[in-house]
Amino acid sequence: MVDATKACESDFMTSDLVTNSPTKKVVIVSGGEYVKDQFGDRLEIKVTLDKKLKTWKPNRETCNNLKNAFGAETEGWMSKVIHLTLKNTPKGLSIIGIPADSIPKPIPVVEVVDPNPQGINNP
């Protein structure tokens, strides 16, 4: 007998995979290639999501994000960490990839304590 989990999960990136991902991050592991599908020639790249190899056809917004961050040649995208978000579109949920390095880090909040608080007599 075998565990059927793998057979029930898509080999392609889906919004369900992103929703259920604990990390919401992929690492690009191939330079990609163009493949013809019902929408024409589309870029297809291999990524790992939570240690699972997946095929991803990034949308135009994601391609622009990656191109702006790493250049037009997809060889330069390899081994880059991409943060994934989901965006509602008229056609349903769309996966948007944002280079992890381009996400601003939160500024740490530090409580400032007044060394001479009012109401205390200091000599």
Protein backbone atom coordinates (compact mmCIF):
# COMPACT_ATOMS: atom_id res chain seq x y z
CA MET A 1 0.00 0.00 0.00
CA VAL A 2 1.07 3.59 -0.60
CA ASP A 3 0.17 7.01 0.72
CA ALA A 4 -2.05 8.70 -1.90
CA THR A 5 -1.25 12.26 -0.74
CA LYS A 6 1.17 12.92 -3.60
CA ALA A 7 -1.34 11.66 -6.18
CA CYS A 8 -3.95 14.06 -4.82
CA GLU A 9 -1.70 17.12 -5.06
CA SER A 10 -1.03 19.04 -8.28
CA ASP A 11 2.43 19.09 -9.83
CA PHE A 12 1.70 22.72 -10.76
CA MET A 13 1.54 25.76 -8.48
CA THR A 14 -2.07 26.40 -7.47
CA SER A 15 -3.76 28.90 -5.20
CA ASP A 16 -4.71 25.99 -2.90
CA LEU A 17 -1.04 25.03 -2.52
CA VAL A 18 -0.15 28.63 -1.65
CA THR A 19 -3.07 28.92 0.78
CA ASN A 20 -2.01 25.75 2.58
CA SER A 21 1.72 26.49 2.53
CA PRO A 22 3.21 27.29 5.93
CA THR A 23 6.05 29.32 4.35
CA LYS A 24 4.36 30.98 1.32
CA LYS A 25 7.82 30.99 -0.32
CA VAL A 26 9.33 29.24 -3.30
CA VAL A 27 12.89 28.86 -4.49
CA ILE A 28 13.45 28.92 -8.25
CA VAL A 29 15.41 25.83 -9.29
CA SER A 30 15.40 26.04 -13.12
CA GLY A 31 16.13 28.67 -15.72
CA GLY A 32 12.74 28.02 -17.26
CA GLU A 33 11.48 27.55 -20.78
CA TYR A 34 8.59 28.66 -22.93
CA VAL A 35 5.78 26.16 -23.44
CA LYS A 36 2.70 26.48 -25.62
CA ASP A 37 -0.66 26.14 -23.86
CA GLN A 38 -4.21 27.34 -24.49
CA PHE A 39 -3.08 30.91 -23.73
CA GLY A 40 -0.10 30.90 -26.11
CA ASP A 41 3.60 30.75 -25.25
CA ARG A 42 4.05 30.87 -21.48
CA LEU A 43 7.13 30.87 -19.30
CA GLU A 44 7.35 27.75 -17.17
CA ILE A 45 9.84 27.41 -14.30
CA LYS A 46 10.53 24.74 -11.70
CA VAL A 47 10.33 25.81 -8.07
CA THR A 48 10.37 24.20 -4.67
CA LEU A 49 7.50 24.97 -2.32
CA ASP A 50 7.90 23.55 1.18
CA LYS A 51 10.50 21.06 -0.13
CA LYS A 52 8.23 19.86 -2.97
CA LEU A 53 9.14 20.33 -6.63
CA LYS A 54 6.42 22.19 -8.55
CA THR A 55 5.99 23.67 -12.01
CA TRP A 56 4.99 27.33 -12.08
CA LYS A 57 3.74 29.47 -14.93
CA PRO A 58 4.17 32.92 -13.41
CA ASN A 59 1.69 35.56 -14.51
CA ARG A 60 2.63 38.89 -16.09
CA GLU A 61 2.73 40.77 -12.78
CA THR A 62 5.05 38.19 -11.24
CA CYS A 63 7.28 38.10 -14.34
CA ASN A 64 7.63 41.88 -14.16
CA ASN A 65 8.47 41.69 -10.44
CA LEU A 66 11.17 39.08 -11.08
CA LYS A 67 12.54 40.81 -14.20
CA ASN A 68 12.81 44.13 -12.36
CA ALA A 69 14.61 42.49 -9.42
CA PHE A 70 16.89 39.99 -11.21
CA GLY A 71 17.02 40.96 -14.88
CA ALA A 72 15.34 39.60 -18.01
CA GLU A 73 17.49 36.44 -18.27
CA THR A 74 15.86 33.73 -16.18
CA GLU A 75 19.27 32.13 -15.45
CA GLY A 76 19.68 35.01 -12.97
CA TRP A 77 16.48 33.99 -11.20
CA MET A 78 17.78 30.59 -10.15
CA SER A 79 18.10 29.98 -6.37
CA LYS A 80 16.17 33.19 -5.61
CA VAL A 81 13.56 33.12 -2.85
CA ILE A 82 10.15 34.40 -3.91
CA HIS A 83 7.37 35.32 -1.46
CA LEU A 84 3.90 34.34 -2.64
CA THR A 85 0.64 36.16 -2.12
CA LEU A 86 -2.82 35.63 -3.56
CA LYS A 87 -4.73 38.37 -5.35
CA ASN A 88 -8.41 38.35 -6.24
CA THR A 89 -8.97 38.91 -9.95
CA PRO A 90 -12.09 38.67 -12.12
CA LYS A 91 -10.91 35.17 -13.13
CA GLY A 92 -10.35 34.02 -9.53
CA LEU A 93 -7.33 33.88 -7.25
CA SER A 94 -4.00 34.67 -8.86
CA ILE A 95 -0.58 33.81 -7.41
CA ILE A 96 1.68 36.86 -7.20
CA GLY A 97 5.41 36.38 -6.62
CA ILE A 98 7.49 39.08 -4.98
CA PRO A 99 11.25 38.70 -4.55
CA ALA A 100 11.84 38.13 -0.84
CA ASP A 101 14.70 40.67 -0.80
CA SER A 102 12.39 43.43 -2.03
CA ILE A 103 9.89 43.08 0.82
CA PRO A 104 10.60 45.85 3.32
CA LYS A 105 11.60 44.64 6.74
CA PRO A 106 9.53 46.07 9.58
CA ILE A 107 11.27 48.78 11.54
CA PRO A 108 11.77 47.61 15.10
CA VAL A 109 9.85 49.59 17.68
CA VAL A 110 11.90 50.60 20.68
CA GLU A 111 10.32 52.11 23.76
CA VAL A 112 12.13 55.29 24.77
CA VAL A 113 12.30 55.95 28.48
CA ASP A 114 12.79 59.55 29.59
CA PRO A 115 15.85 59.61 31.88
CA ASN A 116 14.44 62.68 33.66
CA PRO A 117 10.70 62.16 34.02
CA GLN A 118 8.65 65.17 35.04
CA GLY A 119 7.59 65.37 38.64
CA ILE A 120 10.76 63.86 40.05
CA ASN A 121 13.12 66.26 41.77
CA ASN A 122 16.61 65.69 40.52
CA PRO A 123 19.52 67.30 42.40
